[in-house]
Amino acid sequence: MPANMEHCLKYGTIPYYMEQLATLCARLCTKMHLSAPLSLLSLICALSGIDGGKVLVFPLDGSHWVNMKVLIEELHSKGHTVTVVRASNSWYIKEESPFYNSVTIPNAGGFDEKFFGVLIGRLLKIRREGSSIWNRLQLEYEIIMKFKSMHEDMMQMTERMLEDKEIMKSIQDAKYDVVMADPASGGGAIFAYKFNIPLVFNVRWTIQGEGHYALAPSPLSYVPVAGVELTDKMSFLQRVKNVLTYFFTRFQIAVVADPIYTSFFLKHFGPNVNYFSLFQNADIWLMRNDFTFEFPRPTMPNIVYMGGFQCKPAKPLPADLEDFVQSSREHGVIVMSLGTLIAQLPQDVTDEIAAAFAQLPQKVIWRYTGPRPGTLGNNTLLVDWLPQNDLLGHPQTKVFVAHGGTNGVQEAIYHGVPILGVPLVFDQPDNLFRMQAKGTAKIVDIATLDRTVFLEALKEVLHNPSYKENMQRLSKLHHDQPIKPLDHAIFWIEYVMKNRGAPHLRTESYRMSWIEYHSIDVILTLIATVFIFAFLFVYAIRYLFRVLFKKKVKRA
């Protein structure tokens, strides 16, 4: 059997060979004078021998789960068996699913939906009212402490699993082919190490920040730190800002994450296992962006870019929504959604946005779950949920009003829809800044947003053709690749399963100390050698002069 066919049968990539297999069975049955039912039975018997791989998934809740679920569903469609580890108080990760089995750990590691709702409200209030620096610092401190608490909960969940003999035995007996994890939590790397299972990351963020900084060379002279809102062309003062921001983020990590994971690893694995090295030891890093979004920067062989992997061609809209969209005629539609964390804004902000929408000839579809704004116009439809991908792919859609989450930005690039950005928290301002730098988005500051500001920004994106042209250029670049991002991601997951890892793609730099990595020891040795030779040379010259001088004195 050819190697590629063997791989296909082992890992369940059935569709590629289905037609060939059916044709082969039909020919054999015809030659053997078998009936059609027997032909069908033969085909079923052939397919029953297909054995997919086993995947153990350690996801993160919230918007991270949205894109992890895309990979899980695709792996399931390829015939693989997927098991998801979840907390009993998970927000999005359901215990029952047709696409995966689940291991539920009681009351630990879940996503605190209420906290983020309160956080958004407080943050917006501080930004809009111009509260004191002290209040802002206090809020930042609360955010840091909350993330610290979340990491502690995740480690408690992991510890419960390690101490549960039944769970440990089930993982051992299952003989998983690969662990797929979100490195913004630590469980996946821990279990991959404990059971010696190949590890694949679905990543943009890790416990220690943006994923590239954990693995690839990241010169601060032209690689902007995530969140600093700079491009790869920085002035001297901007480079100073970039360096200071980098060291500040490292300080935060040292205070928040390092103590939690270091003590956990010391307790369970001893002093010789460094948790960050386990992350760097992952076989493949599936990076949830690409260079239509990212600025050019160094990368590594085991980083696989799959930006926009969750995007897909638009499907037909429900009939009532399609009728509403078509009623916009030549003016088109504006779509507004603020993602999974932010269902509604403060009422005064909502009223200002609704009043701005009411002055436009375009129709508006707005995902919003709060009280109905008093200024809402007849052209605006409020919905609890909307088919975002399908709406962005509709030819009538003119602008996407978004908070700047990675998923929404990637969908806008995929469908070529310009963005009016209303960034709120986390990576959203930086994501939208990158789009603005590429000429595909305009940003509105929530602190100064009113109906006039919002309306003028909308009109600029609607009527200035450069926004649409630039976004369509990015969309064309995104689509112009030999393989779809999702297929690319699945290929590399199956590659790791088939080959029991990808150690030939991993750099050994993570095993080196900081001194070795930057060749400080080599540089110091070379400098010392030069000094020694220089000293010996000078000493020899002085000695020769001394000898020659003594001879001249004696002759005199």
Protein backbone atom coordinates (compact mmCIF):
# COMPACT_ATOMS: atom_id res chain seq x y z
CA MET A 1 0.00 0.00 0.00
CA PRO A 2 1.41 3.48 -0.84
CA ALA A 3 2.61 5.49 2.16
CA ASN A 4 0.11 8.30 1.59
CA MET A 5 -2.78 5.82 1.39
CA GLU A 6 -1.59 4.15 4.59
CA HIS A 7 -1.54 7.53 6.31
CA CYS A 8 -5.00 8.33 4.97
CA LEU A 9 -6.44 5.08 6.30
CA LYS A 10 -4.70 5.38 9.66
CA TYR A 11 -5.84 8.91 10.35
CA GLY A 12 -9.24 8.87 8.77
CA THR A 13 -8.77 11.32 5.90
CA ILE A 14 -11.53 9.44 4.11
CA PRO A 15 -12.91 11.94 1.58
CA TYR A 16 -9.72 12.12 -0.46
CA TYR A 17 -9.75 8.40 -1.28
CA MET A 18 -13.47 7.64 -0.95
CA GLU A 19 -14.20 7.75 -4.67
CA GLN A 20 -11.15 5.64 -5.55
CA LEU A 21 -12.01 3.07 -2.88
CA ALA A 22 -15.63 2.83 -4.03
CA THR A 23 -14.55 2.45 -7.66
CA LEU A 24 -12.06 -0.26 -6.74
CA CYS A 25 -14.67 -2.20 -4.74
CA ALA A 26 -17.17 -1.92 -7.59
CA ARG A 27 -14.68 -3.26 -10.11
CA LEU A 28 -13.74 -6.16 -7.85
CA CYS A 29 -17.36 -7.01 -7.22
CA THR A 30 -18.16 -6.83 -10.96
CA LYS A 31 -15.33 -9.22 -11.75
CA MET A 32 -16.52 -11.52 -8.97
CA HIS A 33 -20.15 -11.22 -10.21
CA LEU A 34 -21.37 -9.93 -6.84
CA SER A 35 -24.68 -8.15 -6.44
CA ALA A 36 -25.07 -4.45 -5.61
CA PRO A 37 -25.92 -5.12 -1.93
CA LEU A 38 -22.79 -7.21 -1.61
CA SER A 39 -20.82 -4.42 -3.28
CA LEU A 40 -22.14 -1.99 -0.69
CA LEU A 41 -21.35 -4.44 2.10
CA SER A 42 -17.80 -4.78 0.81
CA LEU A 43 -17.37 -1.02 0.80
CA ILE A 44 -18.66 -0.75 4.38
CA CYS A 45 -16.29 -3.50 5.49
CA ALA A 46 -13.39 -1.72 3.84
CA LEU A 47 -14.22 1.56 5.55
CA SER A 48 -14.74 -0.09 8.93
CA GLY A 49 -11.02 -0.79 9.06
CA ILE A 50 -10.20 2.93 9.08
CA ASP A 51 -8.68 3.94 12.40
CA GLY A 52 -8.46 7.64 13.28
CA GLY A 53 -6.04 9.12 15.75
CA LYS A 54 -6.75 10.07 19.36
CA VAL A 55 -6.47 13.72 20.35
CA LEU A 56 -6.46 15.07 23.92
CA VAL A 57 -7.43 18.76 24.03
CA PHE A 58 -6.71 21.31 26.78
CA PRO A 59 -8.59 24.45 25.67
CA LEU A 60 -9.10 27.89 27.18
CA ASP A 61 -12.63 29.22 27.60
CA GLY A 62 -14.12 32.35 26.03
CA SER A 63 -13.15 33.49 22.55
CA HIS A 64 -10.17 31.10 22.56
CA TRP A 65 -12.62 28.19 22.64
CA VAL A 66 -14.44 29.53 19.58
CA ASN A 67 -11.43 28.89 17.35
CA MET A 68 -10.29 25.72 19.15
CA LYS A 69 -13.72 24.28 18.44
CA VAL A 70 -13.16 24.83 14.70
CA LEU A 71 -10.08 22.57 14.81
CA ILE A 72 -11.92 19.98 16.92
CA GLU A 73 -14.84 19.78 14.49
CA GLU A 74 -12.49 19.43 11.53
CA LEU A 75 -10.48 16.69 13.26
CA HIS A 76 -13.74 14.88 14.05
CA SER A 77 -14.78 15.12 10.39
CA LYS A 78 -11.48 13.43 9.47
CA GLY A 79 -12.29 10.44 11.65
CA HIS A 80 -10.23 11.31 14.73
CA THR A 81 -11.47 10.77 18.28
CA VAL A 82 -11.24 13.95 20.34
CA THR A 83 -11.37 14.23 24.14
CA VAL A 84 -11.68 17.68 25.72
CA VAL A 85 -10.63 18.48 29.31
CA ARG A 86 -12.99 21.09 30.78
CA ALA A 87 -13.95 22.62 34.11
CA SER A 88 -17.44 22.02 35.41
CA ASN A 89 -18.01 25.80 35.57
CA SER A 90 -16.96 26.39 31.95
CA TRP A 91 -18.70 29.23 30.17
CA TYR A 92 -18.60 28.07 26.53
CA ILE A 93 -17.15 24.55 26.65
CA LYS A 94 -20.13 22.21 26.86
CA GLU A 95 -19.93 18.77 28.45
CA GLU A 96 -22.00 17.11 25.72
CA SER A 97 -21.05 17.42 22.07
CA PRO A 98 -21.32 15.30 18.93
CA PHE A 99 -17.74 16.26 18.07
CA TYR A 100 -15.87 15.25 21.21
CA ASN A 101 -15.91 13.36 24.47
CA SER A 102 -15.21 15.32 27.62
CA VAL A 103 -13.41 14.94 30.93
CA THR A 104 -15.03 17.32 33.42
CA ILE A 105 -13.10 18.50 36.47
CA PRO A 106 -15.34 19.82 39.28
CA ASN A 107 -15.42 23.54 40.08
CA ALA A 108 -11.97 24.67 38.94
CA GLY A 109 -10.46 26.61 36.11
CA GLY A 110 -13.64 28.00 34.57
CA PHE A 111 -14.10 31.36 32.90
CA ASP A 112 -15.48 34.15 35.09
CA GLU A 113 -18.09 35.77 32.86
CA LYS A 114 -19.37 38.12 35.57
CA PHE A 115 -15.91 39.50 36.31
CA PHE A 116 -15.33 40.49 32.70
CA GLY A 117 -18.73 42.16 32.49
CA VAL A 118 -17.96 44.27 35.58
CA LEU A 119 -14.40 44.92 34.33
CA ILE A 120 -15.60 46.31 31.00
CA GLY A 121 -18.09 48.59 32.72
CA ARG A 122 -15.50 49.97 35.15
CA LEU A 123 -12.87 50.41 32.47
CA LEU A 124 -15.22 52.35 30.22
CA LYS A 125 -16.31 54.54 33.11
CA ILE A 126 -12.71 55.40 34.00
CA ARG A 127 -11.81 56.16 30.38
CA ARG A 128 -14.90 58.27 29.71
CA GLU A 129 -14.93 60.22 32.96
CA GLY A 130 -11.19 60.89 32.99
CA SER A 131 -10.74 59.46 36.48
CA SER A 132 -7.48 59.81 38.33
CA ILE A 133 -4.31 57.88 37.52
CA TRP A 134 -4.70 56.19 40.89
CA ASN A 135 -8.09 54.73 39.87
CA ARG A 136 -6.63 53.49 36.59
CA LEU A 137 -3.67 51.88 38.37
CA GLN A 138 -6.05 50.27 40.83
CA LEU A 139 -8.08 48.79 37.98
CA GLU A 140 -4.91 47.51 36.26
CA TYR A 141 -3.90 45.92 39.55
CA GLU A 142 -7.30 44.20 39.80
CA ILE A 143 -6.91 42.84 36.26
CA ILE A 144 -3.44 41.48 37.07
CA MET A 145 -4.69 39.87 40.29
CA LYS A 146 -7.65 38.36 38.44
CA PHE A 147 -5.38 36.77 35.88
CA LYS A 148 -3.21 35.51 38.71
CA SER A 149 -6.30 33.97 40.30
CA MET A 150 -7.23 32.35 36.96
CA HIS A 151 -3.77 30.79 36.68
CA GLU A 152 -4.10 29.48 40.24
CA ASP A 153 -7.48 27.96 39.39
CA MET A 154 -6.00 26.30 36.29
CA MET A 155 -3.19 24.79 38.36
CA GLN A 156 -5.69 23.56 40.95
CA MET A 157 -7.62 21.89 38.15
CA THR A 158 -4.41 20.31 36.84
CA GLU A 159 -3.45 19.17 40.33
CA ARG A 160 -6.84 17.50 40.83
CA MET A 161 -6.29 15.61 37.60
CA LEU A 162 -2.79 14.52 38.62
CA GLU A 163 -4.08 13.26 41.96
CA ASP A 164 -7.05 11.45 40.44
CA LYS A 165 -5.84 7.91 39.80
CA GLU A 166 -8.84 7.07 37.64
CA ILE A 167 -8.24 10.02 35.28
CA MET A 168 -4.51 9.28 35.13
CA LYS A 169 -5.19 5.65 34.28
CA SER A 170 -7.72 6.58 31.58
CA ILE A 171 -5.20 8.92 29.91
CA GLN A 172 -2.48 6.29 30.17
CA ASP A 173 -4.71 3.56 28.74
CA ALA A 174 -6.09 5.74 25.92
CA LYS A 175 -2.63 6.09 24.33
CA TYR A 176 -3.30 9.48 22.78
CA ASP A 177 -1.46 10.35 19.58
CA VAL A 178 -1.23 14.06 20.30
CA VAL A 179 -2.09 16.71 22.89
CA MET A 180 -3.57 19.89 21.40
CA ALA A 181 -3.54 22.80 23.84
CA ASP A 182 -3.97 26.52 24.23
CA PRO A 183 -0.71 27.71 25.85
CA ALA A 184 -2.48 30.55 27.63
CA SER A 185 -2.97 27.84 30.29
CA GLY A 186 -0.47 25.24 31.41
CA GLY A 187 -2.34 21.92 31.56
CA GLY A 188 -1.65 20.74 28.02
CA ALA A 189 2.13 21.05 28.25
CA ILE A 190 2.13 19.35 31.66
CA PHE A 191 0.23 16.26 30.53
CA ALA A 192 2.10 16.04 27.24
CA TYR A 193 5.33 15.92 29.27
CA LYS A 194 4.03 13.51 31.91
CA PHE A 195 2.76 10.95 29.38
CA ASN A 196 5.38 11.64 26.70
CA ILE A 197 2.76 12.63 24.10
CA PRO A 198 3.58 14.95 21.16
CA LEU A 199 2.32 18.49 21.74
CA VAL A 200 0.65 20.93 19.32
CA PHE A 201 -0.27 24.46 20.37
CA ASN A 202 -3.21 26.49 19.04
CA VAL A 203 -1.64 29.80 19.88
CA ARG A 204 -1.39 33.48 19.72
CA TRP A 205 -0.96 34.09 23.46
CA THR A 206 0.93 32.06 26.02
CA ILE A 207 1.23 32.34 29.79
CA GLN A 208 4.22 34.58 29.11
CA GLY A 209 2.66 36.83 26.48
CA GLU A 210 2.56 36.86 22.66
CA GLY A 211 3.58 33.47 21.27
CA HIS A 212 6.53 34.53 19.11
CA TYR A 213 8.42 35.86 22.12
CA ALA A 214 8.48 32.37 23.62
CA LEU A 215 10.13 30.82 20.58
CA ALA A 216 11.42 33.08 17.83
CA PRO A 217 14.10 35.80 17.85
CA SER A 218 12.28 39.08 18.47
CA PRO A 219 14.60 42.10 18.00
CA LEU A 220 13.01 45.03 19.79
CA SER A 221 14.44 47.41 17.20
CA TYR A 222 11.76 46.45 14.66
CA VAL A 223 9.45 43.88 16.31
CA PRO A 224 6.81 45.83 18.28
CA VAL A 225 5.75 44.35 21.60
CA ALA A 226 2.07 43.35 21.55
CA GLY A 227 0.00 46.14 23.06
CA VAL A 228 2.48 48.95 22.48
CA GLU A 229 0.69 50.05 19.26
CA LEU A 230 3.77 50.54 17.10
CA THR A 231 4.76 49.36 13.62
CA ASP A 232 7.99 47.76 12.45
CA LYS A 233 9.30 51.24 11.52
CA MET A 234 10.11 52.93 14.82
CA SER A 235 11.81 56.19 15.68
CA PHE A 236 14.37 56.34 18.48
CA LEU A 237 11.80 57.37 21.09
CA GLN A 238 9.42 54.64 19.89
CA ARG A 239 12.20 52.06 20.26
CA VAL A 240 12.75 53.32 23.80
CA LYS A 241 9.02 52.87 24.45
CA ASN A 242 9.13 49.38 22.92
CA VAL A 243 12.06 48.29 25.10
CA LEU A 244 10.55 49.72 28.31
CA THR A 245 7.20 48.05 27.54
CA TYR A 246 8.94 44.74 26.98
CA PHE A 247 10.72 44.86 30.34
CA PHE A 248 7.50 45.94 32.07
CA THR A 249 5.64 42.93 30.63
CA ARG A 250 8.48 40.66 31.72
CA PHE A 251 8.17 42.12 35.22
CA GLN A 252 4.41 41.40 35.23
CA ILE A 253 5.02 37.80 34.18
CA ALA A 254 7.67 37.38 36.87
CA VAL A 255 5.21 38.63 39.50
CA VAL A 256 1.99 36.99 38.29
CA ALA A 257 2.70 33.72 36.46
CA ASP A 258 6.21 32.53 37.29
CA PRO A 259 5.69 31.94 41.05
CA ILE A 260 2.52 29.89 40.46
CA TYR A 261 3.99 27.58 37.84
CA THR A 262 7.45 27.34 39.39
CA SER A 263 6.05 26.17 42.73
CA PHE A 264 3.69 23.73 40.99
CA PHE A 265 6.49 22.15 38.97
CA LEU A 266 8.77 22.01 42.00
CA LYS A 267 6.07 20.11 43.89
CA HIS A 268 5.16 17.63 41.16
CA PHE A 269 8.26 17.29 38.97
CA GLY A 270 11.22 18.44 41.04
CA PRO A 271 13.75 21.24 40.53
CA ASN A 272 15.10 20.00 37.19
CA VAL A 273 11.92 20.67 35.17
CA ASN A 274 11.29 24.22 34.02
CA TYR A 275 7.72 24.90 32.96
CA PHE A 276 8.63 27.41 30.26
CA SER A 277 10.98 24.88 28.65
CA LEU A 278 8.03 22.50 28.29
CA PHE A 279 6.21 25.16 26.29
CA GLN A 280 9.23 25.75 24.09
CA ASN A 281 9.47 21.99 23.59
CA ALA A 282 6.09 21.85 21.77
CA ASP A 283 6.35 20.15 18.39
CA ILE A 284 4.18 22.53 16.36
CA TRP A 285 2.89 26.04 17.08
CA LEU A 286 -0.27 26.72 15.06
CA MET A 287 -0.21 30.53 15.01
CA ARG A 288 -3.62 32.19 14.69
CA ASN A 289 -2.41 34.98 12.42
CA ASP A 290 -0.33 35.52 9.30
CA PHE A 291 1.59 38.29 7.60
CA THR A 292 -1.46 40.01 6.23
CA PHE A 293 -2.03 40.92 9.88
CA GLU A 294 1.43 40.62 11.45
CA PHE A 295 4.36 42.90 10.60
CA PRO A 296 7.36 41.07 9.03
CA ARG A 297 9.48 39.44 11.74
CA PRO A 298 11.74 36.41 12.34
CA THR A 299 10.01 33.06 12.76
CA MET A 300 10.89 29.38 13.34
CA PRO A 301 10.45 26.10 11.37
CA ASN A 302 7.80 24.71 13.73
CA ILE A 303 5.60 27.83 13.65
CA VAL A 304 2.72 27.20 11.23
CA TYR A 305 0.66 30.27 10.30
CA MET A 306 -3.06 29.64 9.98
CA GLY A 307 -4.52 33.15 10.10
CA GLY A 308 -8.19 33.10 9.14
CA PHE A 309 -8.48 29.32 9.55
CA GLN A 310 -11.91 29.76 11.13
CA CYS A 311 -13.19 31.73 8.15
CA LYS A 312 -15.25 30.16 5.39
CA PRO A 313 -17.29 31.21 2.36
CA ALA A 314 -20.56 32.87 3.31
CA LYS A 315 -23.70 30.73 3.44
CA PRO A 316 -27.18 32.04 2.59
CA LEU A 317 -28.73 34.12 5.35
CA PRO A 318 -32.01 33.18 7.05
CA ALA A 319 -34.94 34.46 5.01
CA ASP A 320 -35.93 37.27 7.38
CA LEU A 321 -32.35 38.53 7.65
CA GLU A 322 -31.85 38.32 3.89
CA ASP A 323 -35.02 40.38 3.35
CA PHE A 324 -33.72 43.03 5.75
CA VAL A 325 -30.34 43.13 3.99
CA GLN A 326 -31.90 43.38 0.53
CA SER A 327 -34.13 46.23 1.70
CA SER A 328 -30.97 48.37 2.00
CA ARG A 329 -30.80 48.45 -1.82
CA GLU A 330 -27.82 50.47 -3.13
CA HIS A 331 -26.88 51.86 0.30
CA GLY A 332 -25.81 48.53 1.77
CA VAL A 333 -25.54 47.24 5.32
CA ILE A 334 -23.39 47.98 8.38
CA VAL A 335 -22.71 45.06 10.73
CA MET A 336 -21.83 45.72 14.39
CA SER A 337 -20.67 43.13 16.92
CA LEU A 338 -18.46 43.42 19.99
CA GLY A 339 -17.53 39.76 20.35
CA THR A 340 -18.03 37.15 23.05
CA LEU A 341 -17.08 39.16 26.14
CA ILE A 342 -19.00 42.38 25.47
CA ALA A 343 -22.69 42.01 24.74
CA GLN A 344 -23.57 45.59 25.64
CA LEU A 345 -22.03 48.99 26.37
CA PRO A 346 -23.06 51.62 28.96
CA GLN A 347 -26.46 53.06 28.12
CA ASP A 348 -25.20 56.55 27.28
CA VAL A 349 -22.67 55.15 24.81
CA THR A 350 -25.34 52.91 23.29
CA ASP A 351 -27.70 55.86 22.81
CA GLU A 352 -25.00 57.87 21.04
CA ILE A 353 -24.15 55.01 18.68
CA ALA A 354 -27.84 54.34 17.92
CA ALA A 355 -28.40 58.04 17.21
CA ALA A 356 -25.48 58.05 14.76
CA PHE A 357 -26.79 54.94 12.99
CA ALA A 358 -30.25 56.54 12.67
CA GLN A 359 -28.81 59.35 10.53
CA LEU A 360 -27.46 57.00 7.86
CA PRO A 361 -29.25 55.67 4.76
CA GLN A 362 -27.63 52.26 5.30
CA LYS A 363 -29.37 49.47 7.17
CA VAL A 364 -27.65 48.31 10.39
CA ILE A 365 -27.56 44.86 11.98
CA TRP A 366 -26.34 45.16 15.57
CA ARG A 367 -25.65 42.30 17.96
CA TYR A 368 -26.86 43.79 21.22
CA THR A 369 -28.54 42.31 24.31
CA GLY A 370 -29.12 45.33 26.57
CA PRO A 371 -32.14 47.62 26.97
CA ARG A 372 -33.43 49.06 23.71
CA PRO A 373 -31.77 52.46 23.04
CA GLY A 374 -34.19 55.36 23.05
CA THR A 375 -32.50 56.88 20.00
CA LEU A 376 -32.78 53.74 17.85
CA GLY A 377 -33.73 54.43 14.22
CA ASN A 378 -35.97 52.41 11.92
CA ASN A 379 -32.93 51.38 9.90
CA THR A 380 -31.34 49.44 12.78
CA LEU A 381 -32.08 45.80 13.66
CA LEU A 382 -31.04 44.59 17.13
CA VAL A 383 -30.32 40.85 17.43
CA ASP A 384 -29.14 38.58 20.27
CA TRP A 385 -27.00 36.63 17.82
CA LEU A 386 -25.94 37.10 14.23
CA PRO A 387 -24.22 34.89 11.61
CA GLN A 388 -21.16 37.13 11.54
CA ASN A 389 -19.17 35.24 8.91
CA ASP A 390 -22.15 35.01 6.56
CA LEU A 391 -23.01 38.68 6.98
CA LEU A 392 -19.42 39.81 6.37
CA GLY A 393 -19.40 37.69 3.23
CA HIS A 394 -22.60 39.22 1.90
CA PRO A 395 -22.07 41.60 -1.05
CA GLN A 396 -24.33 44.22 0.59
CA THR A 397 -22.11 44.59 3.68
CA LYS A 398 -20.12 47.83 3.56
CA VAL A 399 -18.53 48.28 7.02
CA PHE A 400 -17.86 46.11 10.07
CA VAL A 401 -18.08 47.94 13.41
CA ALA A 402 -16.00 45.81 15.74
CA HIS A 403 -14.12 45.79 19.05
CA GLY A 404 -10.97 44.36 17.47
CA GLY A 405 -10.87 40.74 18.63
CA THR A 406 -8.57 38.53 16.56
CA ASN A 407 -11.39 36.35 15.21
CA GLY A 408 -13.45 39.28 13.96
CA VAL A 409 -10.44 41.02 12.41
CA GLN A 410 -9.47 37.85 10.56
CA GLU A 411 -13.02 37.41 9.24
CA ALA A 412 -13.04 41.01 8.02
CA ILE A 413 -9.74 40.40 6.17
CA TYR A 414 -11.06 37.15 4.69
CA HIS A 415 -14.17 38.85 3.27
CA GLY A 416 -12.51 42.18 2.44
CA VAL A 417 -14.74 44.37 4.64
CA PRO A 418 -13.23 47.59 6.10
CA ILE A 419 -13.47 48.14 9.85
CA LEU A 420 -14.61 50.90 12.14
CA GLY A 421 -12.89 49.94 15.38
CA VAL A 422 -14.12 50.56 18.92
CA PRO A 423 -11.34 48.92 20.98
CA LEU A 424 -12.00 48.24 24.64
CA VAL A 425 -9.58 45.88 26.42
CA PHE A 426 -6.72 43.36 26.15
CA ASP A 427 -5.26 42.96 22.63
CA GLN A 428 -8.10 44.81 20.88
CA PRO A 429 -6.44 48.28 20.62
CA ASP A 430 -3.24 46.73 19.25
CA ASN A 431 -5.12 44.55 16.72
CA LEU A 432 -7.02 47.55 15.39
CA PHE A 433 -3.88 49.69 15.35
CA ARG A 434 -2.30 47.14 13.00
CA MET A 435 -5.33 47.37 10.72
CA GLN A 436 -5.25 51.17 10.84
CA ALA A 437 -1.53 51.14 9.97
CA LYS A 438 -2.39 49.06 6.89
CA GLY A 439 -5.10 51.53 5.86
CA THR A 440 -8.02 49.13 6.39
CA ALA A 441 -9.59 50.52 9.57
CA LYS A 442 -10.43 53.71 11.43
CA ILE A 443 -10.40 53.75 15.22
CA VAL A 444 -12.83 55.62 17.49
CA ASP A 445 -11.79 56.25 21.09
CA ILE A 446 -14.54 55.14 23.45
CA ALA A 447 -13.50 57.95 25.83
CA THR A 448 -14.52 60.64 23.35
CA LEU A 449 -17.26 58.81 21.46
CA ASP A 450 -20.47 60.71 20.81
CA ARG A 451 -22.94 60.63 17.93
CA THR A 452 -21.05 63.27 15.95
CA VAL A 453 -17.65 61.59 16.27
CA PHE A 454 -19.09 58.15 15.54
CA LEU A 455 -21.10 59.37 12.54
CA GLU A 456 -18.15 61.18 10.97
CA ALA A 457 -15.95 58.10 11.41
CA LEU A 458 -18.60 55.89 9.80
CA LYS A 459 -18.99 58.25 6.85
CA GLU A 460 -15.23 58.29 6.29
CA VAL A 461 -14.99 54.49 6.14
CA LEU A 462 -18.13 54.28 3.99
CA HIS A 463 -17.19 56.95 1.45
CA ASN A 464 -13.37 56.97 1.36
CA PRO A 465 -12.59 54.20 -1.15
CA SER A 466 -9.06 53.65 0.20
CA TYR A 467 -10.36 51.66 3.19
CA LYS A 468 -12.20 49.16 1.02
CA GLU A 469 -9.39 49.01 -1.56
CA ASN A 470 -6.73 48.35 1.08
CA MET A 471 -8.84 45.69 2.80
CA GLN A 472 -9.60 43.94 -0.48
CA ARG A 473 -5.87 43.96 -1.27
CA LEU A 474 -5.20 42.27 2.10
CA SER A 475 -8.02 39.83 1.39
CA LYS A 476 -6.49 38.95 -1.96
CA LEU A 477 -3.10 38.34 -0.33
CA HIS A 478 -4.73 36.18 2.34
CA HIS A 479 -6.51 34.00 -0.24
CA ASP A 480 -3.48 33.72 -2.51
CA GLN A 481 -1.85 30.68 -0.88
CA PRO A 482 -1.45 27.06 -2.03
CA ILE A 483 -3.49 25.49 0.76
CA LYS A 484 -6.33 26.73 2.95
CA PRO A 485 -5.23 27.69 6.48
CA LEU A 486 -7.52 25.11 8.12
CA ASP A 487 -6.24 22.33 5.86
CA HIS A 488 -2.70 23.48 6.61
CA ALA A 489 -3.36 23.26 10.36
CA ILE A 490 -4.95 19.81 10.13
CA PHE A 491 -2.08 18.55 7.98
CA TRP A 492 0.45 19.50 10.66
CA ILE A 493 -1.62 18.03 13.50
CA GLU A 494 -1.83 14.74 11.59
CA TYR A 495 1.86 15.03 10.70
CA VAL A 496 2.72 15.11 14.40
CA MET A 497 0.39 12.17 15.08
CA LYS A 498 1.87 10.11 12.26
CA ASN A 499 5.52 10.82 13.12
CA ARG A 500 5.14 10.87 16.92
CA GLY A 501 6.27 14.49 17.08
CA ALA A 502 8.42 16.84 15.03
CA PRO A 503 11.70 17.15 16.96
CA HIS A 504 13.62 17.91 13.77
CA LEU A 505 11.77 21.25 13.56
CA ARG A 506 12.44 22.31 17.16
CA THR A 507 15.30 24.61 18.00
CA GLU A 508 17.56 23.66 20.89
CA SER A 509 17.87 27.27 22.01
CA TYR A 510 15.45 26.77 24.89
CA ARG A 511 17.90 24.34 26.49
CA MET A 512 20.54 27.05 26.60
CA SER A 513 21.04 29.57 29.37
CA TRP A 514 20.66 33.29 28.67
CA ILE A 515 24.45 33.61 28.69
CA GLU A 516 24.87 30.77 26.18
CA TYR A 517 22.00 31.93 23.94
CA HIS A 518 23.52 35.40 23.50
CA SER A 519 27.09 33.97 23.35
CA ILE A 520 28.10 36.13 26.30
CA ASP A 521 30.52 33.42 27.45
CA VAL A 522 32.08 33.24 23.99
CA ILE A 523 32.37 37.02 23.69
CA LEU A 524 33.95 37.33 27.15
CA THR A 525 36.35 34.49 26.37
CA LEU A 526 37.39 36.11 23.08
CA ILE A 527 37.83 39.49 24.77
CA ALA A 528 39.89 37.89 27.52
CA THR A 529 42.00 36.07 24.92
CA VAL A 530 42.63 39.31 23.03
CA PHE A 531 43.65 41.04 26.26
CA ILE A 532 45.97 38.18 27.20
CA PHE A 533 47.65 38.18 23.78
CA ALA A 534 47.89 41.97 23.84
CA PHE A 535 49.43 41.82 27.31
CA LEU A 536 51.90 39.13 26.25
CA PHE A 537 52.75 41.07 23.09
CA VAL A 538 53.39 44.29 25.01
CA TYR A 539 55.36 42.39 27.64
CA ALA A 540 57.50 40.72 24.94
CA ILE A 541 58.18 44.05 23.21
CA ARG A 542 59.15 45.69 26.50
CA TYR A 543 61.37 42.74 27.33
CA LEU A 544 63.14 42.98 23.96
CA PHE A 545 63.65 46.71 24.35
CA ARG A 546 65.02 46.15 27.85
CA VAL A 547 67.49 43.52 26.59
CA LEU A 548 68.59 45.68 23.66
CA PHE A 549 68.97 48.72 25.90
CA LYS A 550 71.16 46.80 28.37
CA LYS A 551 73.45 45.64 25.53
CA LYS A 552 73.91 49.21 24.31
CA VAL A 553 74.75 50.36 27.85
CA LYS A 554 77.39 47.60 28.23
CA ARG A 555 79.02 48.51 24.86
CA ALA A 556 79.18 52.14 25.91
